[in-house]
């Protein structure tokens, strides 16, 4: 089935492949205009949604972790400047 999907994008005799992207999950060729960058398979859509949620959680955790270390230094610097 993967070969069948890949062949749909090869349309001319010269062997050049038209512009395309690849699904982030299964690496199948998809149209350039596809957004988000996943194919229309339900498993890929579900996995992409799960990955986006995980990325958001990690991003929030990173800012919180950074804040635990940055805030004391900022407070010390502010004390030195003010007093």
PDB file of N, CA and C in Angstrom:
ATOM      1  N   UNK A   1       0.826  -1.195   0.000  1.00  0.00           N
ATOM      2  CA  UNK A   1       0.000   0.000   0.000  1.00  0.00           C
ATOM      3  C   UNK A   1       0.868   1.255   0.000  1.00  0.00           C
ATOM      4  N   UNK A   2       2.025   1.227   0.658  1.00  0.00           N
ATOM      5  CA  UNK A   2       2.901   2.400   0.701  1.00  0.00           C
ATOM      6  C   UNK A   2       3.406   2.755  -0.685  1.00  0.00           C
ATOM      7  N   UNK A   3       3.726   1.743  -1.492  1.00  0.00           N
ATOM      8  CA  UNK A   3       4.213   2.018  -2.844  1.00  0.00           C
ATOM      9  C   UNK A   3       3.118   2.661  -3.678  1.00  0.00           C
ATOM     10  N   UNK A   4       1.900   2.251  -3.463  1.00  0.00           N
ATOM     11  CA  UNK A   4       0.775   2.816  -4.204  1.00  0.00           C
ATOM     12  C   UNK A   4       0.613   4.300  -3.892  1.00  0.00           C
ATOM     13  N   UNK A   5       0.727   4.682  -2.606  1.00  0.00           N
ATOM     14  CA  UNK A   5       0.625   6.083  -2.225  1.00  0.00           C
ATOM     15  C   UNK A   5       1.778   6.887  -2.801  1.00  0.00           C
ATOM     16  N   UNK A   6       2.982   6.347  -2.752  1.00  0.00           N
ATOM     17  CA  UNK A   6       4.153   7.067  -3.242  1.00  0.00           C
ATOM     18  C   UNK A   6       4.058   7.289  -4.737  1.00  0.00           C
ATOM     19  N   UNK A   7       3.527   6.326  -5.459  1.00  0.00           N
ATOM     20  CA  UNK A   7       3.444   6.445  -6.911  1.00  0.00           C
ATOM     21  C   UNK A   7       2.437   7.488  -7.374  1.00  0.00           C
ATOM     22  N   UNK A   8       1.493   7.859  -6.558  1.00  0.00           N
ATOM     23  CA  UNK A   8       0.501   8.844  -6.972  1.00  0.00           C
ATOM     24  C   UNK A   8       1.113  10.220  -7.172  1.00  0.00           C
ATOM     25  N   UNK A   9       2.291  10.470  -6.575  1.00  0.00           N
ATOM     26  CA  UNK A   9       2.935  11.765  -6.696  1.00  0.00           C
ATOM     27  C   UNK A   9       3.908  11.830  -7.863  1.00  0.00           C
ATOM     28  N   UNK A  10       4.261  10.709  -8.453  1.00  0.00           N
ATOM     29  CA  UNK A  10       5.157  10.711  -9.609  1.00  0.00           C
ATOM     30  C   UNK A  10       4.265  10.753 -10.845  1.00  0.00           C
ATOM     31  N   UNK A  11       4.199  11.923 -11.450  1.00  0.00           N
ATOM     32  CA  UNK A  11       3.231  12.078 -12.508  1.00  0.00           C
ATOM     33  C   UNK A  11       3.808  12.296 -13.889  1.00  0.00           C
ATOM     34  N   UNK A  12       5.067  12.658 -14.022  1.00  0.00           N
ATOM     35  CA  UNK A  12       5.569  12.948 -15.351  1.00  0.00           C
ATOM     36  C   UNK A  12       6.605  11.914 -15.778  1.00  0.00           C
ATOM     37  N   UNK A  13       6.913  11.896 -17.052  1.00  0.00           N
ATOM     38  CA  UNK A  13       7.776  10.888 -17.646  1.00  0.00           C
ATOM     39  C   UNK A  13       9.238  11.109 -17.280  1.00  0.00           C
ATOM     40  N   UNK A  14       9.644  12.339 -16.997  1.00  0.00           N
ATOM     41  CA  UNK A  14      11.052  12.627 -16.739  1.00  0.00           C
ATOM     42  C   UNK A  14      11.541  12.024 -15.424  1.00  0.00           C
ATOM     43  N   UNK A  15      10.661  11.551 -14.566  1.00  0.00           N
ATOM     44  CA  UNK A  15      11.068  10.939 -13.311  1.00  0.00           C
ATOM     45  C   UNK A  15      11.228  11.924 -12.176  1.00  0.00           C
ATOM     46  N   UNK A  16      10.964  13.202 -12.419  1.00  0.00           N
ATOM     47  CA  UNK A  16      11.054  14.187 -11.352  1.00  0.00           C
ATOM     48  C   UNK A  16       9.857  14.042 -10.425  1.00  0.00           C
ATOM     49  N   UNK A  17      10.112  14.181  -9.142  1.00  0.00           N
ATOM     50  CA  UNK A  17       9.055  14.086  -8.150  1.00  0.00           C
ATOM     51  C   UNK A  17       8.550  15.487  -7.861  1.00  0.00           C
ATOM     52  N   UNK A  18       7.228  15.698  -7.960  1.00  0.00           N
ATOM     53  CA  UNK A  18       6.688  17.033  -7.672  1.00  0.00           C
ATOM     54  C   UNK A  18       6.907  17.398  -6.202  1.00  0.00           C
ATOM     55  N   UNK A  19       6.856  18.687  -5.879  1.00  0.00           N
ATOM     56  CA  UNK A  19       7.063  19.109  -4.486  1.00  0.00           C
ATOM     57  C   UNK A  19       6.053  18.430  -3.561  1.00  0.00           C
ATOM     58  N   UNK A  20       6.543  17.970  -2.419  1.00  0.00           N
ATOM     59  CA  UNK A  20       5.679  17.317  -1.435  1.00  0.00           C
ATOM     60  C   UNK A  20       6.362  17.333  -0.078  1.00  0.00           C
ATOM     61  N   UNK A  21       5.589  16.997   0.930  1.00  0.00           N
ATOM     62  CA  UNK A  21       6.090  16.818   2.294  1.00  0.00           C
ATOM     63  C   UNK A  21       5.921  15.355   2.650  1.00  0.00           C
ATOM     64  N   UNK A  22       6.385  15.012   3.851  1.00  0.00           N
ATOM     65  CA  UNK A  22       6.182  13.654   4.341  1.00  0.00           C
ATOM     66  C   UNK A  22       5.469  13.711   5.683  1.00  0.00           C
ATOM     67  N   UNK A  23       4.598  12.747   5.912  1.00  0.00           N
ATOM     68  CA  UNK A  23       3.880  12.632   7.180  1.00  0.00           C
ATOM     69  C   UNK A  23       4.895  12.497   8.311  1.00  0.00           C
ATOM     70  N   UNK A  24       4.685  13.236   9.382  1.00  0.00           N
ATOM     71  CA  UNK A  24       5.596  13.184  10.532  1.00  0.00           C
ATOM     72  C   UNK A  24       5.606  11.815  11.194  1.00  0.00           C
ATOM     73  N   UNK A  25       4.546  11.071  11.047  1.00  0.00           N
ATOM     74  CA  UNK A  25       4.407   9.805  11.756  1.00  0.00           C
ATOM     75  C   UNK A  25       4.855   8.625  10.886  1.00  0.00           C
ATOM     76  N   UNK A  26       4.247   8.470   9.708  1.00  0.00           N
ATOM     77  CA  UNK A  26       4.518   7.283   8.890  1.00  0.00           C
ATOM     78  C   UNK A  26       5.425   7.567   7.687  1.00  0.00           C
ATOM     79  N   UNK A  27       5.803   8.816   7.481  1.00  0.00           N
ATOM     80  CA  UNK A  27       6.717   9.231   6.411  1.00  0.00           C
ATOM     81  C   UNK A  27       6.162   9.054   5.002  1.00  0.00           C
ATOM     82  N   UNK A  28       4.860   8.896   4.865  1.00  0.00           N
ATOM     83  CA  UNK A  28       4.246   8.810   3.541  1.00  0.00           C
ATOM     84  C   UNK A  28       4.241  10.189   2.886  1.00  0.00           C
ATOM     85  N   UNK A  29       4.372  10.262   1.561  1.00  0.00           N
ATOM     86  CA  UNK A  29       4.291  11.568   0.890  1.00  0.00           C
ATOM     87  C   UNK A  29       2.897  12.171   1.053  1.00  0.00           C
ATOM     88  N   UNK A  30       2.849  13.466   1.326  1.00  0.00           N
ATOM     89  CA  UNK A  30       1.583  14.186   1.447  1.00  0.00           C
ATOM     90  C   UNK A  30       1.716  15.491   0.673  1.00  0.00           C
ATOM     91  N   UNK A  31       0.619  16.139   0.330  1.00  0.00           N
ATOM     92  CA  UNK A  31       0.696  17.413  -0.401  1.00  0.00           C
ATOM     93  C   UNK A  31       1.404  18.495   0.406  1.00  0.00           C
ATOM     94  N   UNK A  32       1.996  19.451  -0.281  1.00  0.00           N
ATOM     95  CA  UNK A  32       2.717  20.544   0.367  1.00  0.00           C
ATOM     96  C   UNK A  32       1.778  21.361   1.251  1.00  0.00           C
ATOM     97  N   UNK A  33       0.536  21.479   0.859  1.00  0.00           N
ATOM     98  CA  UNK A  33      -0.420  22.311   1.595  1.00  0.00           C
ATOM     99  C   UNK A  33      -0.974  21.638   2.852  1.00  0.00           C
ATOM    100  N   UNK A  34      -0.610  20.399   3.107  1.00  0.00           N
ATOM    101  CA  UNK A  34      -1.155  19.680   4.262  1.00  0.00           C
ATOM    102  C   UNK A  34      -0.705  20.331   5.562  1.00  0.00           C
ATOM    103  N   UNK A  35      -1.667  20.659   6.405  1.00  0.00           N
ATOM    104  CA  UNK A  35      -1.369  21.268   7.700  1.00  0.00           C
ATOM    105  C   UNK A  35      -2.401  20.770   8.689  1.00  0.00           C
ATOM    106  N   UNK A  36      -2.094  20.108   9.738  1.00  0.00           N
ATOM    107  CA  UNK A  36      -0.757  19.778  10.213  1.00  0.00           C
ATOM    108  C   UNK A  36      -0.108  18.759   9.292  1.00  0.00           C
ATOM    109  N   UNK A  37       1.187  18.592   9.449  1.00  0.00           N
ATOM    110  CA  UNK A  37       1.952  17.782   8.511  1.00  0.00           C
ATOM    111  C   UNK A  37       1.812  16.290   8.815  1.00  0.00           C
ATOM    112  N   UNK A  38       0.614  15.786   8.650  1.00  0.00           N
ATOM    113  CA  UNK A  38       0.339  14.358   8.814  1.00  0.00           C
ATOM    114  C   UNK A  38      -0.600  13.924   7.704  1.00  0.00           C
ATOM    115  N   UNK A  39      -0.570  12.617   7.386  1.00  0.00           N
ATOM    116  CA  UNK A  39      -1.492  12.097   6.375  1.00  0.00           C
ATOM    117  C   UNK A  39      -2.885  11.991   6.993  1.00  0.00           C
ATOM    118  N   UNK A  40      -3.825  11.474   6.252  1.00  0.00           N
ATOM    119  CA  UNK A  40      -5.208  11.433   6.732  1.00  0.00           C
ATOM    120  C   UNK A  40      -5.554  10.134   7.449  1.00  0.00           C
ATOM    121  N   UNK A  41      -4.556   9.278   7.680  1.00  0.00           N
ATOM    122  CA  UNK A  41      -4.799   8.046   8.432  1.00  0.00           C
ATOM    123  C   UNK A  41      -5.142   8.410   9.876  1.00  0.00           C
ATOM    124  N   UNK A  42      -6.146   7.762  10.433  1.00  0.00           N
ATOM    125  CA  UNK A  42      -6.600   8.074  11.789  1.00  0.00           C
ATOM    126  C   UNK A  42      -5.511   7.820  12.818  1.00  0.00           C
ATOM    127  N   UNK A  43      -4.716   6.759  12.628  1.00  0.00           N
ATOM    128  CA  UNK A  43      -3.649   6.468  13.593  1.00  0.00           C
ATOM    129  C   UNK A  43      -2.623   7.598  13.614  1.00  0.00           C
ATOM    130  N   UNK A  44      -2.313   8.150  12.447  1.00  0.00           N
ATOM    131  CA  UNK A  44      -1.351   9.257  12.378  1.00  0.00           C
ATOM    132  C   UNK A  44      -1.931  10.521  13.004  1.00  0.00           C
ATOM    133  N   UNK A  45      -3.203  10.785  12.760  1.00  0.00           N
ATOM    134  CA  UNK A  45      -3.856  11.950  13.356  1.00  0.00           C
ATOM    135  C   UNK A  45      -3.864  11.843  14.880  1.00  0.00           C
ATOM    136  N   UNK A  46      -4.186  10.655  15.392  1.00  0.00           N
ATOM    137  CA  UNK A  46      -4.215  10.447  16.849  1.00  0.00           C
ATOM    138  C   UNK A  46      -2.821  10.596  17.453  1.00  0.00           C
ATOM    139  N   UNK A  47      -1.820   9.997  16.800  1.00  0.00           N
ATOM    140  CA  UNK A  47      -0.452  10.072  17.311  1.00  0.00           C
ATOM    141  C   UNK A  47       0.048  11.508  17.279  1.00  0.00           C
ATOM    142  N   UNK A  48      -0.268  12.258  16.230  1.00  0.00           N
ATOM    143  CA  UNK A  48       0.154  13.654  16.137  1.00  0.00           C
ATOM    144  C   UNK A  48      -0.484  14.489  17.245  1.00  0.00           C
ATOM    145  N   UNK A  49      -1.762  14.261  17.511  1.00  0.00           N
ATOM    146  CA  UNK A  49      -2.452  14.992  18.579  1.00  0.00           C
ATOM    147  C   UNK A  49      -1.817  14.689  19.938  1.00  0.00           C
ATOM    148  N   UNK A  50      -1.501  13.424  20.176  1.00  0.00           N
ATOM    149  CA  UNK A  50      -0.857  13.024  21.427  1.00  0.00           C
ATOM    150  C   UNK A  50       0.520  13.676  21.544  1.00  0.00           C
ATOM    151  N   UNK A  51       1.285  13.684  20.438  1.00  0.00           N
ATOM    152  CA  UNK A  51       2.615  14.306  20.440  1.00  0.00           C
ATOM    153  C   UNK A  51       2.540  15.802  20.727  1.00  0.00           C
ATOM    154  N   UNK A  52       1.547  16.485  20.148  1.00  0.00           N
ATOM    155  CA  UNK A  52       1.389  17.922  20.384  1.00  0.00           C
ATOM    156  C   UNK A  52       1.077  18.201  21.857  1.00  0.00           C
ATOM    157  N   UNK A  53       0.235  17.379  22.465  1.00  0.00           N
ATOM    158  CA  UNK A  53      -0.077  17.547  23.882  1.00  0.00           C
ATOM    159  C   UNK A  53       1.173  17.331  24.737  1.00  0.00           C
ATOM    160  N   UNK A  54       1.968  16.315  24.390  1.00  0.00           N
ATOM    161  CA  UNK A  54       3.198  16.046  25.131  1.00  0.00           C
ATOM    162  C   UNK A  54       4.181  17.209  24.996  1.00  0.00           C
ATOM    163  N   UNK A  55       4.302  17.767  23.796  1.00  0.00           N
ATOM    164  CA  UNK A  55       5.200  18.900  23.590  1.00  0.00           C
ATOM    165  C   UNK A  55       4.765  20.107  24.420  1.00  0.00           C
ATOM    166  N   UNK A  56       3.466  20.339  24.491  1.00  0.00           N
ATOM    167  CA  UNK A  56       2.954  21.456  25.278  1.00  0.00           C
ATOM    168  C   UNK A  56       3.265  21.250  26.765  1.00  0.00           C
ATOM    169  N   UNK A  57       3.078  20.035  27.246  1.00  0.00           N
ATOM    170  CA  UNK A  57       3.371  19.726  28.644  1.00  0.00           C
ATOM    171  C   UNK A  57       4.853  19.912  28.952  1.00  0.00           C
ATOM    172  N   UNK A  58       5.712  19.441  28.076  1.00  0.00           N
ATOM    173  CA  UNK A  58       7.163  19.575  28.279  1.00  0.00           C
ATOM    174  C   UNK A  58       7.560  21.044  28.246  1.00  0.00           C
ATOM    175  N   UNK A  59       6.972  21.815  27.345  1.00  0.00           N
ATOM    176  CA  UNK A  59       7.285  23.248  27.255  1.00  0.00           C
ATOM    177  C   UNK A  59       6.912  23.971  28.545  1.00  0.00           C
ATOM    178  N   UNK A  60       5.744  23.669  29.096  1.00  0.00           N
ATOM    179  CA  UNK A  60       5.309  24.291  30.351  1.00  0.00           C
ATOM    180  C   UNK A  60       6.239  23.876  31.484  1.00  0.00           C
ATOM    181  N   UNK A  61       6.583  22.593  31.547  1.00  0.00           N
ATOM    182  CA  UNK A  61       7.477  22.108  32.601  1.00  0.00           C
ATOM    183  C   UNK A  61       8.845  22.772  32.497  1.00  0.00           C
ATOM    184  N   UNK A  62       9.323  22.999  31.299  1.00  0.00           N
ATOM    185  CA  UNK A  62      10.615  23.646  31.103  1.00  0.00           C
ATOM    186  C   UNK A  62      10.588  25.072  31.645  1.00  0.00           C
ATOM    187  N   UNK A  63       9.527  25.815  31.372  1.00  0.00           N
ATOM    188  CA  UNK A  63       9.431  27.187  31.883  1.00  0.00           C
ATOM    189  C   UNK A  63       9.332  27.212  33.410  1.00  0.00           C
ATOM    190  N   UNK A  64       8.594  26.276  33.983  1.00  0.00           N
ATOM    191  CA  UNK A  64       8.488  26.205  35.442  1.00  0.00           C
ATOM    192  C   UNK A  64       9.849  25.871  36.039  1.00  0.00           C
ATOM    193  N   UNK A  65      10.533  24.894  35.483  1.00  0.00           N
ATOM    194  CA  UNK A  65      11.858  24.499  35.964  1.00  0.00           C
ATOM    195  C   UNK A  65      12.835  25.670  35.845  1.00  0.00           C
ATOM    196  N   UNK A  66      12.816  26.358  34.724  1.00  0.00           N
ATOM    197  CA  UNK A  66      13.678  27.525  34.525  1.00  0.00           C
ATOM    198  C   UNK A  66      13.342  28.611  35.544  1.00  0.00           C
ATOM    199  N   UNK A  67      12.074  28.794  35.820  1.00  0.00           N
ATOM    200  CA  UNK A  67      11.642  29.806  36.787  1.00  0.00           C
ATOM    201  C   UNK A  67      12.157  29.546  38.183  1.00  0.00           C
ATOM    202  N   UNK A  68      12.211  28.275  38.591  1.00  0.00           N
ATOM    203  CA  UNK A  68      12.724  27.952  39.923  1.00  0.00           C
ATOM    204  C   UNK A  68      14.163  28.413  40.099  1.00  0.00           C
ATOM    205  N   UNK A  69      14.926  28.391  39.030  1.00  0.00           N
ATOM    206  CA  UNK A  69      16.329  28.797  39.114  1.00  0.00           C
ATOM    207  C   UNK A  69      16.540  30.264  38.787  1.00  0.00           C
ATOM    208  N   UNK A  70      15.724  30.827  37.920  1.00  0.00           N
ATOM    209  CA  UNK A  70      15.921  32.207  37.480  1.00  0.00           C
ATOM    210  C   UNK A  70      15.392  33.224  38.492  1.00  0.00           C
ATOM    211  N   UNK A  71      14.279  32.959  39.122  1.00  0.00           N
ATOM    212  CA  UNK A  71      13.658  33.937  40.020  1.00  0.00           C
ATOM    213  C   UNK A  71      14.568  34.315  41.192  1.00  0.00           C
ATOM    214  N   UNK A  72      15.220  33.379  41.868  1.00  0.00           N
ATOM    215  CA  UNK A  72      16.122  33.795  42.959  1.00  0.00           C
ATOM    216  C   UNK A  72      17.254  34.706  42.471  1.00  0.00           C
ATOM    217  N   UNK A  73      17.824  34.423  41.327  1.00  0.00           N
ATOM    218  CA  UNK A  73      18.894  35.270  40.802  1.00  0.00           C
ATOM    219  C   UNK A  73      18.378  36.664  40.435  1.00  0.00           C
ATOM    220  N   UNK A  74      17.208  36.724  39.876  1.00  0.00           N
ATOM    221  CA  UNK A  74      16.621  38.027  39.527  1.00  0.00           C
ATOM    222  C   UNK A  74      16.335  38.831  40.800  1.00  0.00           C
ATOM    223  N   UNK A  75      15.833  38.170  41.844  1.00  0.00           N
ATOM    224  CA  UNK A  75      15.563  38.863  43.101  1.00  0.00           C
ATOM    225  C   UNK A  75      16.853  39.387  43.736  1.00  0.00           C
ATOM    226  N   UNK A  76      17.914  38.595  43.699  1.00  0.00           N
ATOM    227  CA  UNK A  76      19.201  39.038  44.245  1.00  0.00           C
ATOM    228  C   UNK A  76      19.729  40.240  43.466  1.00  0.00           C
ATOM    229  N   UNK A  77      19.655  40.183  42.154  1.00  0.00           N
ATOM    230  CA  UNK A  77      20.098  41.311  41.327  1.00  0.00           C
ATOM    231  C   UNK A  77      19.265  42.562  41.607  1.00  0.00           C
ATOM    232  N   UNK A  78      17.968  42.393  41.780  1.00  0.00           N
ATOM    233  CA  UNK A  78      17.103  43.530  42.057  1.00  0.00           C
ATOM    234  C   UNK A  78      17.455  44.162  43.412  1.00  0.00           C
ATOM    235  N   UNK A  79      17.765  43.326  44.400  1.00  0.00           N
ATOM    236  CA  UNK A  79      18.169  43.851  45.711  1.00  0.00           C
ATOM    237  C   UNK A  79      19.463  44.656  45.609  1.00  0.00           C
ATOM    238  N   UNK A  80      20.412  44.163  44.860  1.00  0.00           N
ATOM    239  CA  UNK A  80      21.678  44.843  44.707  1.00  0.00           C
ATOM    240  C   UNK A  80      21.524  46.193  44.006  1.00  0.00           C
ATOM    241  N   UNK A  81      20.655  46.245  42.999  1.00  0.00           N
ATOM    242  CA  UNK A  81      20.442  47.479  42.254  1.00  0.00           C
ATOM    243  C   UNK A  81      19.704  48.499  43.122  1.00  0.00           C
ATOM    244  N   UNK A  82      18.727  48.048  43.892  1.00  0.00           N
ATOM    245  CA  UNK A  82      17.913  48.966  44.693  1.00  0.00           C
ATOM    246  C   UNK A  82      18.579  49.364  46.007  1.00  0.00           C
ATOM    247  N   UNK A  83      19.426  48.557  46.510  1.00  0.00           N
ATOM    248  CA  UNK A  83      19.917  48.902  47.825  1.00  0.00           C
ATOM    249  C   UNK A  83      21.355  48.713  47.966  1.00  0.00           C
TER     250      UNK A  83
END
